[in-house]
Amino acid sequence: MKHNRIITISEHAVDRFIERFHFAGKDQENESAVRAAAERTIVSIWETASYVSDDSQGILFRNLEFNCDFVVFGKQIKTLFNSRPAARQPENHSTTDLRLQSAKSPSHNSRFRQSTQQHKPRR
């Protein structure tokens, strides 16, 4: 999906991209060149992202090809993180829940365990 609006990228989002996606240029000495290359890569990934949900903390977009989730607020990409298979379950579609699940594994996330335990099999 091609987005027809201008979006800016926060410094935090660039830092998270370099850190979380193991960006190849992060070991180079010229930090400004690495950041510029990271921004171009983020824009490229963003162009094919699609809407997932929104709440008071922002709008969540996802690029399935690169397993990348974006949190956008006020026409700016605030942060991004790797998509997780557990995060794609229908009951966990708020931006806050997905960010929490990205930070913790599902086995350590009590909110995730509670939501899966509440669903009983149909007879």
PDB file of N, CA and C in Angstrom:
ATOM      1  N   MET A   1       0.844  -1.178   0.000  1.00  0.00           N
ATOM      2  CA  MET A   1       0.000   0.000   0.000  1.00  0.00           C
ATOM      3  C   MET A   1       0.887   1.238   0.000  1.00  0.00           C
ATOM      4  N   LYS A   2       0.720   2.089  -0.954  1.00  0.00           N
ATOM      5  CA  LYS A   2       1.510   3.313  -1.051  1.00  0.00           C
ATOM      6  C   LYS A   2       0.808   4.402  -0.249  1.00  0.00           C
ATOM      7  N   HIS A   3       1.504   4.969   0.723  1.00  0.00           N
ATOM      8  CA  HIS A   3       0.914   6.027   1.537  1.00  0.00           C
ATOM      9  C   HIS A   3       1.086   7.354   0.811  1.00  0.00           C
ATOM     10  N   ASN A   4       0.034   8.154   0.798  1.00  0.00           N
ATOM     11  CA  ASN A   4       0.087   9.406   0.062  1.00  0.00           C
ATOM     12  C   ASN A   4       0.290  10.596   0.991  1.00  0.00           C
ATOM     13  N   ARG A   5       0.876  10.375   2.137  1.00  0.00           N
ATOM     14  CA  ARG A   5       1.123  11.476   3.044  1.00  0.00           C
ATOM     15  C   ARG A   5       2.606  11.503   3.431  1.00  0.00           C
ATOM     16  N   ILE A   6       3.057  12.678   3.803  1.00  0.00           N
ATOM     17  CA  ILE A   6       4.453  12.835   4.197  1.00  0.00           C
ATOM     18  C   ILE A   6       4.589  12.419   5.653  1.00  0.00           C
ATOM     19  N   ILE A   7       5.608  11.649   5.929  1.00  0.00           N
ATOM     20  CA  ILE A   7       5.852  11.153   7.283  1.00  0.00           C
ATOM     21  C   ILE A   7       7.299  11.473   7.642  1.00  0.00           C
ATOM     22  N   THR A   8       7.522  11.836   8.893  1.00  0.00           N
ATOM     23  CA  THR A   8       8.889  12.045   9.360  1.00  0.00           C
ATOM     24  C   THR A   8       9.263  10.895  10.289  1.00  0.00           C
ATOM     25  N   ILE A   9      10.541  10.750  10.524  1.00  0.00           N
ATOM     26  CA  ILE A   9      11.034   9.646  11.349  1.00  0.00           C
ATOM     27  C   ILE A   9      11.748  10.237  12.556  1.00  0.00           C
ATOM     28  N   SER A  10      11.344   9.834  13.748  1.00  0.00           N
ATOM     29  CA  SER A  10      11.988  10.340  14.961  1.00  0.00           C
ATOM     30  C   SER A  10      13.381   9.737  15.117  1.00  0.00           C
ATOM     31  N   GLU A  11      14.215  10.432  15.870  1.00  0.00           N
ATOM     32  CA  GLU A  11      15.557   9.926  16.166  1.00  0.00           C
ATOM     33  C   GLU A  11      15.461   8.596  16.914  1.00  0.00           C
ATOM     34  N   HIS A  12      14.474   8.493  17.789  1.00  0.00           N
ATOM     35  CA  HIS A  12      14.262   7.260  18.551  1.00  0.00           C
ATOM     36  C   HIS A  12      13.994   6.085  17.610  1.00  0.00           C
ATOM     37  N   ALA A  13      13.168   6.311  16.580  1.00  0.00           N
ATOM     38  CA  ALA A  13      12.851   5.237  15.633  1.00  0.00           C
ATOM     39  C   ALA A  13      14.098   4.793  14.866  1.00  0.00           C
ATOM     40  N   VAL A  14      14.939   5.741  14.488  1.00  0.00           N
ATOM     41  CA  VAL A  14      16.179   5.388  13.779  1.00  0.00           C
ATOM     42  C   VAL A  14      17.085   4.569  14.695  1.00  0.00           C
ATOM     43  N   ASP A  15      17.209   5.012  15.958  1.00  0.00           N
ATOM     44  CA  ASP A  15      18.030   4.267  16.928  1.00  0.00           C
ATOM     45  C   ASP A  15      17.509   2.848  17.118  1.00  0.00           C
ATOM     46  N   ARG A  16      16.181   2.710  17.258  1.00  0.00           N
ATOM     47  CA  ARG A  16      15.595   1.380  17.465  1.00  0.00           C
ATOM     48  C   ARG A  16      15.794   0.505  16.241  1.00  0.00           C
ATOM     49  N   PHE A  17      15.693   1.082  15.046  1.00  0.00           N
ATOM     50  CA  PHE A  17      15.895   0.302  13.827  1.00  0.00           C
ATOM     51  C   PHE A  17      17.316  -0.251  13.774  1.00  0.00           C
ATOM     52  N   ILE A  18      18.287   0.603  14.037  1.00  0.00           N
ATOM     53  CA  ILE A  18      19.688   0.175  14.004  1.00  0.00           C
ATOM     54  C   ILE A  18      19.931  -0.907  15.049  1.00  0.00           C
ATOM     55  N   GLU A  19      19.342  -0.740  16.223  1.00  0.00           N
ATOM     56  CA  GLU A  19      19.538  -1.691  17.325  1.00  0.00           C
ATOM     57  C   GLU A  19      18.786  -3.006  17.117  1.00  0.00           C
ATOM     58  N   ARG A  20      17.503  -2.936  16.828  1.00  0.00           N
ATOM     59  CA  ARG A  20      16.650  -4.128  16.807  1.00  0.00           C
ATOM     60  C   ARG A  20      16.730  -4.933  15.523  1.00  0.00           C
ATOM     61  N   PHE A  21      17.033  -4.287  14.427  1.00  0.00           N
ATOM     62  CA  PHE A  21      17.067  -4.998  13.154  1.00  0.00           C
ATOM     63  C   PHE A  21      18.493  -5.310  12.713  1.00  0.00           C
ATOM     64  N   HIS A  22      19.446  -5.111  13.597  1.00  0.00           N
ATOM     65  CA  HIS A  22      20.852  -5.429  13.331  1.00  0.00           C
ATOM     66  C   HIS A  22      21.284  -4.846  11.982  1.00  0.00           C
ATOM     67  N   PHE A  23      21.075  -3.557  11.848  1.00  0.00           N
ATOM     68  CA  PHE A  23      21.375  -2.852  10.599  1.00  0.00           C
ATOM     69  C   PHE A  23      22.850  -3.018  10.258  1.00  0.00           C
ATOM     70  N   ALA A  24      23.137  -3.407   9.035  1.00  0.00           N
ATOM     71  CA  ALA A  24      24.491  -3.790   8.609  1.00  0.00           C
ATOM     72  C   ALA A  24      25.516  -2.675   8.776  1.00  0.00           C
ATOM     73  N   GLY A  25      25.102  -1.433   8.642  1.00  0.00           N
ATOM     74  CA  GLY A  25      26.068  -0.343   8.692  1.00  0.00           C
ATOM     75  C   GLY A  25      26.388   0.170  10.073  1.00  0.00           C
ATOM     76  N   LYS A  26      25.825  -0.427  11.123  1.00  0.00           N
ATOM     77  CA  LYS A  26      25.976   0.154  12.458  1.00  0.00           C
ATOM     78  C   LYS A  26      27.406   0.133  12.988  1.00  0.00           C
ATOM     79  N   ASP A  27      28.284  -0.681  12.432  1.00  0.00           N
ATOM     80  CA  ASP A  27      29.665  -0.756  12.904  1.00  0.00           C
ATOM     81  C   ASP A  27      30.592   0.213  12.168  1.00  0.00           C
ATOM     82  N   GLN A  28      30.071   0.941  11.215  1.00  0.00           N
ATOM     83  CA  GLN A  28      30.900   1.888  10.473  1.00  0.00           C
ATOM     84  C   GLN A  28      31.220   3.105  11.342  1.00  0.00           C
ATOM     85  N   GLU A  29      32.306   3.778  11.000  1.00  0.00           N
ATOM     86  CA  GLU A  29      32.744   4.929  11.785  1.00  0.00           C
ATOM     87  C   GLU A  29      31.901   6.171  11.519  1.00  0.00           C
ATOM     88  N   ASN A  30      31.414   6.360  10.309  1.00  0.00           N
ATOM     89  CA  ASN A  30      30.656   7.550   9.948  1.00  0.00           C
ATOM     90  C   ASN A  30      29.195   7.377  10.370  1.00  0.00           C
ATOM     91  N   GLU A  31      28.886   7.852  11.565  1.00  0.00           N
ATOM     92  CA  GLU A  31      27.549   7.648  12.135  1.00  0.00           C
ATOM     93  C   GLU A  31      26.456   8.349  11.325  1.00  0.00           C
ATOM     94  N   SER A  32      26.742   9.538  10.799  1.00  0.00           N
ATOM     95  CA  SER A  32      25.716  10.259  10.041  1.00  0.00           C
ATOM     96  C   SER A  32      25.341   9.516   8.760  1.00  0.00           C
ATOM     97  N   ALA A  33      26.300   8.878   8.115  1.00  0.00           N
ATOM     98  CA  ALA A  33      26.008   8.098   6.910  1.00  0.00           C
ATOM     99  C   ALA A  33      25.181   6.865   7.249  1.00  0.00           C
ATOM    100  N   VAL A  34      25.470   6.248   8.383  1.00  0.00           N
ATOM    101  CA  VAL A  34      24.709   5.073   8.824  1.00  0.00           C
ATOM    102  C   VAL A  34      23.271   5.474   9.121  1.00  0.00           C
ATOM    103  N   ARG A  35      23.082   6.600   9.814  1.00  0.00           N
ATOM    104  CA  ARG A  35      21.733   7.065  10.154  1.00  0.00           C
ATOM    105  C   ARG A  35      20.944   7.426   8.892  1.00  0.00           C
ATOM    106  N   ALA A  36      21.601   8.054   7.923  1.00  0.00           N
ATOM    107  CA  ALA A  36      20.929   8.411   6.665  1.00  0.00           C
ATOM    108  C   ALA A  36      20.507   7.156   5.911  1.00  0.00           C
ATOM    109  N   ALA A  37      21.369   6.151   5.879  1.00  0.00           N
ATOM    110  CA  ALA A  37      21.022   4.885   5.213  1.00  0.00           C
ATOM    111  C   ALA A  37      19.886   4.187   5.952  1.00  0.00           C
ATOM    112  N   ALA A  38      19.896   4.246   7.279  1.00  0.00           N
ATOM    113  CA  ALA A  38      18.825   3.635   8.072  1.00  0.00           C
ATOM    114  C   ALA A  38      17.495   4.335   7.795  1.00  0.00           C
ATOM    115  N   GLU A  39      17.505   5.667   7.703  1.00  0.00           N
ATOM    116  CA  GLU A  39      16.278   6.410   7.402  1.00  0.00           C
ATOM    117  C   GLU A  39      15.724   6.027   6.032  1.00  0.00           C
ATOM    118  N   ARG A  40      16.586   5.907   5.034  1.00  0.00           N
ATOM    119  CA  ARG A  40      16.125   5.501   3.695  1.00  0.00           C
ATOM    120  C   ARG A  40      15.509   4.103   3.738  1.00  0.00           C
ATOM    121  N   THR A  41      16.106   3.214   4.510  1.00  0.00           N
ATOM    122  CA  THR A  41      15.582   1.852   4.632  1.00  0.00           C
ATOM    123  C   THR A  41      14.232   1.856   5.333  1.00  0.00           C
ATOM    124  N   ILE A  42      14.094   2.660   6.392  1.00  0.00           N
ATOM    125  CA  ILE A  42      12.821   2.757   7.119  1.00  0.00           C
ATOM    126  C   ILE A  42      11.726   3.262   6.188  1.00  0.00           C
ATOM    127  N   VAL A  43      12.016   4.293   5.408  1.00  0.00           N
ATOM    128  CA  VAL A  43      11.027   4.834   4.463  1.00  0.00           C
ATOM    129  C   VAL A  43      10.626   3.768   3.456  1.00  0.00           C
ATOM    130  N   SER A  44      11.573   3.010   2.980  1.00  0.00           N
ATOM    131  CA  SER A  44      11.283   1.942   2.021  1.00  0.00           C
ATOM    132  C   SER A  44      10.368   0.878   2.631  1.00  0.00           C
ATOM    133  N   ILE A  45      10.646   0.486   3.850  1.00  0.00           N
ATOM    134  CA  ILE A  45       9.805  -0.509   4.532  1.00  0.00           C
ATOM    135  C   ILE A  45       8.433   0.083   4.833  1.00  0.00           C
ATOM    136  N   TRP A  46       8.385   1.351   5.239  1.00  0.00           N
ATOM    137  CA  TRP A  46       7.136   2.036   5.590  1.00  0.00           C
ATOM    138  C   TRP A  46       6.174   2.115   4.402  1.00  0.00           C
ATOM    139  N   GLU A  47       6.700   2.281   3.203  1.00  0.00           N
ATOM    140  CA  GLU A  47       5.861   2.469   2.027  1.00  0.00           C
ATOM    141  C   GLU A  47       4.921   1.297   1.768  1.00  0.00           C
ATOM    142  N   THR A  48       5.280   0.106   2.197  1.00  0.00           N
ATOM    143  CA  THR A  48       4.417  -1.053   1.968  1.00  0.00           C
ATOM    144  C   THR A  48       3.749  -1.548   3.248  1.00  0.00           C
ATOM    145  N   ALA A  49       3.815  -0.755   4.315  1.00  0.00           N
ATOM    146  CA  ALA A  49       3.149  -1.137   5.565  1.00  0.00           C
ATOM    147  C   ALA A  49       1.651  -0.880   5.450  1.00  0.00           C
ATOM    148  N   SER A  50       0.870  -1.647   6.189  1.00  0.00           N
ATOM    149  CA  SER A  50      -0.581  -1.472   6.169  1.00  0.00           C
ATOM    150  C   SER A  50      -1.105  -1.225   7.583  1.00  0.00           C
ATOM    151  N   TYR A  51      -2.253  -0.582   7.645  1.00  0.00           N
ATOM    152  CA  TYR A  51      -2.879  -0.219   8.914  1.00  0.00           C
ATOM    153  C   TYR A  51      -3.292  -1.468   9.691  1.00  0.00           C
ATOM    154  N   VAL A  52      -3.066  -1.452  11.013  1.00  0.00           N
ATOM    155  CA  VAL A  52      -3.501  -2.548  11.878  1.00  0.00           C
ATOM    156  C   VAL A  52      -4.533  -2.046  12.869  1.00  0.00           C
ATOM    157  N   SER A  53      -4.201  -1.022  13.652  1.00  0.00           N
ATOM    158  CA  SER A  53      -5.125  -0.490  14.655  1.00  0.00           C
ATOM    159  C   SER A  53      -4.627   0.864  15.130  1.00  0.00           C
ATOM    160  N   ASP A  54      -5.430   1.492  15.995  1.00  0.00           N
ATOM    161  CA  ASP A  54      -4.984   2.738  16.605  1.00  0.00           C
ATOM    162  C   ASP A  54      -5.576   2.867  17.998  1.00  0.00           C
ATOM    163  N   ASP A  55      -4.922   3.656  18.826  1.00  0.00           N
ATOM    164  CA  ASP A  55      -5.410   4.000  20.151  1.00  0.00           C
ATOM    165  C   ASP A  55      -4.810   5.350  20.525  1.00  0.00           C
ATOM    166  N   SER A  56      -4.904   5.727  21.801  1.00  0.00           N
ATOM    167  CA  SER A  56      -4.449   7.052  22.223  1.00  0.00           C
ATOM    168  C   SER A  56      -2.944   7.248  22.066  1.00  0.00           C
ATOM    169  N   GLN A  57      -2.174   6.169  21.972  1.00  0.00           N
ATOM    170  CA  GLN A  57      -0.724   6.287  21.849  1.00  0.00           C
ATOM    171  C   GLN A  57      -0.246   6.337  20.400  1.00  0.00           C
ATOM    172  N   GLY A  58      -1.132   6.151  19.457  1.00  0.00           N
ATOM    173  CA  GLY A  58      -0.734   6.247  18.059  1.00  0.00           C
ATOM    174  C   GLY A  58      -1.413   5.225  17.179  1.00  0.00           C
ATOM    175  N   ILE A  59      -0.995   5.205  15.931  1.00  0.00           N
ATOM    176  CA  ILE A  59      -1.542   4.295  14.933  1.00  0.00           C
ATOM    177  C   ILE A  59      -0.502   3.223  14.657  1.00  0.00           C
ATOM    178  N   LEU A  60      -0.952   1.992  14.631  1.00  0.00           N
ATOM    179  CA  LEU A  60      -0.051   0.873  14.402  1.00  0.00           C
ATOM    180  C   LEU A  60      -0.138   0.440  12.945  1.00  0.00           C
ATOM    181  N   PHE A  61       1.011   0.394  12.281  1.00  0.00           N
ATOM    182  CA  PHE A  61       1.129  -0.108  10.923  1.00  0.00           C
ATOM    183  C   PHE A  61       2.054  -1.308  10.947  1.00  0.00           C
ATOM    184  N   ARG A  62       1.845  -2.238  10.014  1.00  0.00           N
ATOM    185  CA  ARG A  62       2.677  -3.446   9.973  1.00  0.00           C
ATOM    186  C   ARG A  62       3.097  -3.740   8.542  1.00  0.00           C
ATOM    187  N   ASN A  63       4.365  -4.097   8.389  1.00  0.00           N
ATOM    188  CA  ASN A  63       4.893  -4.595   7.130  1.00  0.00           C
ATOM    189  C   ASN A  63       5.177  -6.076   7.339  1.00  0.00           C
ATOM    190  N   LEU A  64       4.364  -6.936   6.757  1.00  0.00           N
ATOM    191  CA  LEU A  64       4.497  -8.377   6.962  1.00  0.00           C
ATOM    192  C   LEU A  64       5.746  -8.948   6.305  1.00  0.00           C
ATOM    193  N   GLU A  65       6.158  -8.380   5.190  1.00  0.00           N
ATOM    194  CA  GLU A  65       7.327  -8.891   4.480  1.00  0.00           C
ATOM    195  C   GLU A  65       8.597  -8.779   5.328  1.00  0.00           C
ATOM    196  N   PHE A  66       8.733  -7.663   6.049  1.00  0.00           N
ATOM    197  CA  PHE A  66       9.930  -7.432   6.855  1.00  0.00           C
ATOM    198  C   PHE A  66       9.695  -7.654   8.349  1.00  0.00           C
ATOM    199  N   ASN A  67       8.485  -8.103   8.732  1.00  0.00           N
ATOM    200  CA  ASN A  67       8.133  -8.311  10.144  1.00  0.00           C
ATOM    201  C   ASN A  67       8.444  -7.075  10.977  1.00  0.00           C
ATOM    202  N   CYS A  68       7.945  -5.948  10.531  1.00  0.00           N
ATOM    203  CA  CYS A  68       8.227  -4.677  11.189  1.00  0.00           C
ATOM    204  C   CYS A  68       6.922  -3.959  11.506  1.00  0.00           C
ATOM    205  N   ASP A  69       6.765  -3.527  12.760  1.00  0.00           N
ATOM    206  CA  ASP A  69       5.607  -2.744  13.183  1.00  0.00           C
ATOM    207  C   ASP A  69       6.049  -1.308  13.435  1.00  0.00           C
ATOM    208  N   PHE A  70       5.219  -0.352  13.023  1.00  0.00           N
ATOM    209  CA  PHE A  70       5.490   1.070  13.204  1.00  0.00           C
ATOM    210  C   PHE A  70       4.417   1.670  14.094  1.00  0.00           C
ATOM    211  N   VAL A  71       4.802   2.523  15.034  1.00  0.00           N
ATOM    212  CA  VAL A  71       3.850   3.318  15.799  1.00  0.00           C
ATOM    213  C   VAL A  71       3.994   4.749  15.299  1.00  0.00           C
ATOM    214  N   VAL A  72       2.897   5.281  14.733  1.00  0.00           N
ATOM    215  CA  VAL A  72       2.899   6.613  14.140  1.00  0.00           C
ATOM    216  C   VAL A  72       1.980   7.506  14.956  1.00  0.00           C
ATOM    217  N   PHE A  73       2.474   8.683  15.293  1.00  0.00           N
ATOM    218  CA  PHE A  73       1.671   9.653  16.032  1.00  0.00           C
ATOM    219  C   PHE A  73       2.013  11.040  15.495  1.00  0.00           C
ATOM    220  N   GLY A  74       1.004  11.773  15.067  1.00  0.00           N
ATOM    221  CA  GLY A  74       1.230  13.124  14.562  1.00  0.00           C
ATOM    222  C   GLY A  74       2.123  13.188  13.336  1.00  0.00           C
ATOM    223  N   LYS A  75       1.892  12.316  12.367  1.00  0.00           N
ATOM    224  CA  LYS A  75       2.648  12.267  11.108  1.00  0.00           C
ATOM    225  C   LYS A  75       4.138  12.004  11.317  1.00  0.00           C
ATOM    226  N   GLN A  76       4.458  11.309  12.409  1.00  0.00           N
ATOM    227  CA  GLN A  76       5.852  10.959  12.677  1.00  0.00           C
ATOM    228  C   GLN A  76       5.926   9.513  13.151  1.00  0.00           C
ATOM    229  N   ILE A  77       6.881   8.766  12.606  1.00  0.00           N
ATOM    230  CA  ILE A  77       7.128   7.410  13.094  1.00  0.00           C
ATOM    231  C   ILE A  77       7.847   7.561  14.423  1.00  0.00           C
ATOM    232  N   LYS A  78       7.154   7.225  15.507  1.00  0.00           N
ATOM    233  CA  LYS A  78       7.718   7.393  16.847  1.00  0.00           C
ATOM    234  C   LYS A  78       8.660   6.256  17.207  1.00  0.00           C
ATOM    235  N   THR A  79       8.269   5.038  16.882  1.00  0.00           N
ATOM    236  CA  THR A  79       9.116   3.884  17.169  1.00  0.00           C
ATOM    237  C   THR A  79       8.762   2.755  16.218  1.00  0.00           C
ATOM    238  N   LEU A  80       9.595   1.754  16.191  1.00  0.00           N
ATOM    239  CA  LEU A  80       9.319   0.558  15.402  1.00  0.00           C
ATOM    240  C   LEU A  80       9.925  -0.633  16.112  1.00  0.00           C
ATOM    241  N   PHE A  81       9.383  -1.798  15.810  1.00  0.00           N
ATOM    242  CA  PHE A  81       9.845  -3.018  16.474  1.00  0.00           C
ATOM    243  C   PHE A  81       9.522  -4.218  15.618  1.00  0.00           C
ATOM    244  N   ASN A  82      10.146  -5.340  15.930  1.00  0.00           N
ATOM    245  CA  ASN A  82       9.905  -6.590  15.203  1.00  0.00           C
ATOM    246  C   ASN A  82       8.516  -7.115  15.518  1.00  0.00           C
ATOM    247  N   SER A  83       7.820  -7.602  14.503  1.00  0.00           N
ATOM    248  CA  SER A  83       6.533  -8.265  14.714  1.00  0.00           C
ATOM    249  C   SER A  83       6.784  -9.632  15.320  1.00  0.00           C
ATOM    250  N   ARG A  84       5.881 -10.063  16.163  1.00  0.00           N
ATOM    251  CA  ARG A  84       5.977 -11.395  16.758  1.00  0.00           C
ATOM    252  C   ARG A  84       4.714 -12.164  16.400  1.00  0.00           C
ATOM    253  N   PRO A  85       4.799 -13.464  16.147  1.00  0.00           N
ATOM    254  CA  PRO A  85       3.599 -14.236  15.828  1.00  0.00           C
ATOM    255  C   PRO A  85       2.523 -14.127  16.901  1.00  0.00           C
ATOM    256  N   ALA A  86       2.882 -14.112  18.175  1.00  0.00           N
ATOM    257  CA  ALA A  86       1.890 -14.011  19.246  1.00  0.00           C
ATOM    258  C   ALA A  86       1.174 -12.671  19.200  1.00  0.00           C
ATOM    259  N   ALA A  87       1.837 -11.659  18.693  1.00  0.00           N
ATOM    260  CA  ALA A  87       1.246 -10.330  18.640  1.00  0.00           C
ATOM    261  C   ALA A  87       0.159 -10.231  17.578  1.00  0.00           C
ATOM    262  N   ARG A  88       0.039 -11.213  16.716  1.00  0.00           N
ATOM    263  CA  ARG A  88      -0.957 -11.160  15.646  1.00  0.00           C
ATOM    264  C   ARG A  88      -2.295 -11.758  16.050  1.00  0.00           C
ATOM    265  N   GLN A  89      -2.425 -12.172  17.298  1.00  0.00           N
ATOM    266  CA  GLN A  89      -3.695 -12.733  17.731  1.00  0.00           C
ATOM    267  C   GLN A  89      -4.722 -11.611  17.863  1.00  0.00           C
ATOM    268  N   PRO A  90      -5.983 -11.854  17.497  1.00  0.00           N
ATOM    269  CA  PRO A  90      -6.995 -10.800  17.455  1.00  0.00           C
ATOM    270  C   PRO A  90      -7.194 -10.057  18.773  1.00  0.00           C
ATOM    271  N   GLU A  91      -7.062 -10.741  19.912  1.00  0.00           N
ATOM    272  CA  GLU A  91      -7.326 -10.082  21.185  1.00  0.00           C
ATOM    273  C   GLU A  91      -6.195  -9.149  21.604  1.00  0.00           C
ATOM    274  N   ASN A  92      -5.114  -9.086  20.873  1.00  0.00           N
ATOM    275  CA  ASN A  92      -3.962  -8.279  21.259  1.00  0.00           C
ATOM    276  C   ASN A  92      -3.638  -7.220  20.210  1.00  0.00           C
ATOM    277  N   HIS A  93      -4.635  -6.499  19.742  1.00  0.00           N
ATOM    278  CA  HIS A  93      -4.376  -5.569  18.653  1.00  0.00           C
ATOM    279  C   HIS A  93      -4.217  -4.113  19.063  1.00  0.00           C
ATOM    280  N   SER A  94      -4.174  -3.790  20.356  1.00  0.00           N
ATOM    281  CA  SER A  94      -3.936  -2.394  20.696  1.00  0.00           C
ATOM    282  C   SER A  94      -2.445  -2.106  20.601  1.00  0.00           C
ATOM    283  N   THR A  95      -2.115  -0.874  20.328  1.00  0.00           N
ATOM    284  CA  THR A  95      -0.716  -0.482  20.194  1.00  0.00           C
ATOM    285  C   THR A  95       0.050  -0.775  21.472  1.00  0.00           C
ATOM    286  N   THR A  96      -0.556  -0.484  22.607  1.00  0.00           N
ATOM    287  CA  THR A  96       0.102  -0.708  23.893  1.00  0.00           C
ATOM    288  C   THR A  96       0.411  -2.177  24.098  1.00  0.00           C
ATOM    289  N   ASP A  97      -0.553  -3.052  23.837  1.00  0.00           N
ATOM    290  CA  ASP A  97      -0.331  -4.488  24.019  1.00  0.00           C
ATOM    291  C   ASP A  97       0.779  -5.002  23.115  1.00  0.00           C
ATOM    292  N   LEU A  98       0.795  -4.558  21.867  1.00  0.00           N
ATOM    293  CA  LEU A  98       1.817  -5.033  20.941  1.00  0.00           C
ATOM    294  C   LEU A  98       3.203  -4.554  21.349  1.00  0.00           C
ATOM    295  N   ARG A  99       3.294  -3.333  21.865  1.00  0.00           N
ATOM    296  CA  ARG A  99       4.592  -2.833  22.317  1.00  0.00           C
ATOM    297  C   ARG A  99       5.068  -3.615  23.532  1.00  0.00           C
ATOM    298  N   LEU A 100       4.144  -3.937  24.430  1.00  0.00           N
ATOM    299  CA  LEU A 100       4.511  -4.729  25.606  1.00  0.00           C
ATOM    300  C   LEU A 100       4.981  -6.116  25.196  1.00  0.00           C
ATOM    301  N   GLN A 101       4.297  -6.720  24.247  1.00  0.00           N
ATOM    302  CA  GLN A 101       4.671  -8.061  23.815  1.00  0.00           C
ATOM    303  C   GLN A 101       5.999  -8.060  23.085  1.00  0.00           C
ATOM    304  N   SER A 102       6.324  -6.962  22.428  1.00  0.00           N
ATOM    305  CA  SER A 102       7.608  -6.890  21.757  1.00  0.00           C
ATOM    306  C   SER A 102       8.747  -6.841  22.771  1.00  0.00           C
ATOM    307  N   ALA A 103       8.497  -6.192  23.901  1.00  0.00           N
ATOM    308  CA  ALA A 103       9.531  -6.054  24.926  1.00  0.00           C
ATOM    309  C   ALA A 103       9.718  -7.327  25.737  1.00  0.00           C
ATOM    310  N   LYS A 104       8.661  -8.113  25.856  1.00  0.00           N
ATOM    311  CA  LYS A 104       8.716  -9.331  26.668  1.00  0.00           C
ATOM    312  C   LYS A 104       8.333 -10.528  25.810  1.00  0.00           C
ATOM    313  N   SER A 105       8.828 -11.657  26.177  1.00  0.00           N
ATOM    314  CA  SER A 105       8.394 -12.863  25.470  1.00  0.00           C
ATOM    315  C   SER A 105       7.018 -13.254  25.994  1.00  0.00           C
ATOM    316  N   PRO A 106       6.189 -13.951  25.208  1.00  0.00           N
ATOM    317  CA  PRO A 106       4.846 -14.318  25.645  1.00  0.00           C
ATOM    318  C   PRO A 106       4.826 -15.129  26.936  1.00  0.00           C
ATOM    319  N   SER A 107       5.836 -15.922  27.194  1.00  0.00           N
ATOM    320  CA  SER A 107       5.831 -16.741  28.406  1.00  0.00           C
ATOM    321  C   SER A 107       5.992 -15.895  29.662  1.00  0.00           C
ATOM    322  N   HIS A 108       6.571 -14.694  29.529  1.00  0.00           N
ATOM    323  CA  HIS A 108       6.758 -13.825  30.678  1.00  0.00           C
ATOM    324  C   HIS A 108       5.671 -12.757  30.766  1.00  0.00           C
ATOM    325  N   ASN A 109       4.793 -12.708  29.810  1.00  0.00           N
ATOM    326  CA  ASN A 109       3.777 -11.673  29.756  1.00  0.00           C
ATOM    327  C   ASN A 109       2.496 -12.187  30.401  1.00  0.00           C
ATOM    328  N   SER A 110       2.235 -11.769  31.628  1.00  0.00           N
ATOM    329  CA  SER A 110       1.069 -12.268  32.355  1.00  0.00           C
ATOM    330  C   SER A 110      -0.229 -11.867  31.665  1.00  0.00           C
ATOM    331  N   ARG A 111      -0.250 -10.703  31.025  1.00  0.00           N
ATOM    332  CA  ARG A 111      -1.446 -10.263  30.313  1.00  0.00           C
ATOM    333  C   ARG A 111      -1.750 -11.226  29.162  1.00  0.00           C
ATOM    334  N   PHE A 112      -0.702 -11.673  28.464  1.00  0.00           N
ATOM    335  CA  PHE A 112      -0.874 -12.625  27.372  1.00  0.00           C
ATOM    336  C   PHE A 112      -1.399 -13.960  27.901  1.00  0.00           C
ATOM    337  N   ARG A 113      -0.812 -14.454  28.990  1.00  0.00           N
ATOM    338  CA  ARG A 113      -1.250 -15.735  29.548  1.00  0.00           C
ATOM    339  C   ARG A 113      -2.706 -15.669  29.994  1.00  0.00           C
ATOM    340  N   GLN A 114      -3.100 -14.544  30.610  1.00  0.00           N
ATOM    341  CA  GLN A 114      -4.481 -14.405  31.054  1.00  0.00           C
ATOM    342  C   GLN A 114      -5.438 -14.429  29.873  1.00  0.00           C
ATOM    343  N   SER A 115      -5.079 -13.746  28.788  1.00  0.00           N
ATOM    344  CA  SER A 115      -5.983 -13.692  27.641  1.00  0.00           C
ATOM    345  C   SER A 115      -6.121 -15.057  26.974  1.00  0.00           C
ATOM    346  N   THR A 116      -5.076 -15.876  27.001  1.00  0.00           N
ATOM    347  CA  THR A 116      -5.176 -17.194  26.380  1.00  0.00           C
ATOM    348  C   THR A 116      -5.868 -18.192  27.297  1.00  0.00           C
ATOM    349  N   GLN A 117      -5.805 -17.979  28.599  1.00  0.00           N
ATOM    350  CA  GLN A 117      -6.449 -18.894  29.534  1.00  0.00           C
ATOM    351  C   GLN A 117      -7.950 -18.657  29.616  1.00  0.00           C
ATOM    352  N   GLN A 118      -8.407 -17.459  29.292  1.00  0.00           N
ATOM    353  CA  GLN A 118      -9.826 -17.142  29.389  1.00  0.00           C
ATOM    354  C   GLN A 118     -10.650 -17.833  28.312  1.00  0.00           C
ATOM    355  N   HIS A 119     -10.047 -18.153  27.189  1.00  0.00           N
ATOM    356  CA  HIS A 119     -10.775 -18.762  26.086  1.00  0.00           C
ATOM    357  C   HIS A 119     -10.883 -20.269  26.303  1.00  0.00           C
ATOM    358  N   LYS A 120     -12.100 -20.729  26.467  1.00  0.00           N
ATOM    359  CA  LYS A 120     -12.320 -22.161  26.656  1.00  0.00           C
ATOM    360  C   LYS A 120     -12.732 -22.778  25.325  1.00  0.00           C
ATOM    361  N   PRO A 121     -12.348 -24.010  25.087  1.00  0.00           N
ATOM    362  CA  PRO A 121     -12.722 -24.650  23.817  1.00  0.00           C
ATOM    363  C   PRO A 121     -14.233 -24.831  23.708  1.00  0.00           C
ATOM    364  N   ARG A 122     -14.732 -24.699  22.502  1.00  0.00           N
ATOM    365  CA  ARG A 122     -16.169 -24.890  22.256  1.00  0.00           C
ATOM    366  C   ARG A 122     -16.495 -26.368  22.220  1.00  0.00           C
ATOM    367  N   ARG A 123     -17.695 -26.679  22.643  1.00  0.00           N
ATOM    368  CA  ARG A 123     -18.132 -28.080  22.627  1.00  0.00           C
ATOM    369  C   ARG A 123     -19.078 -28.342  21.501  1.00  0.00           C
TER     370      ARG A 123
END
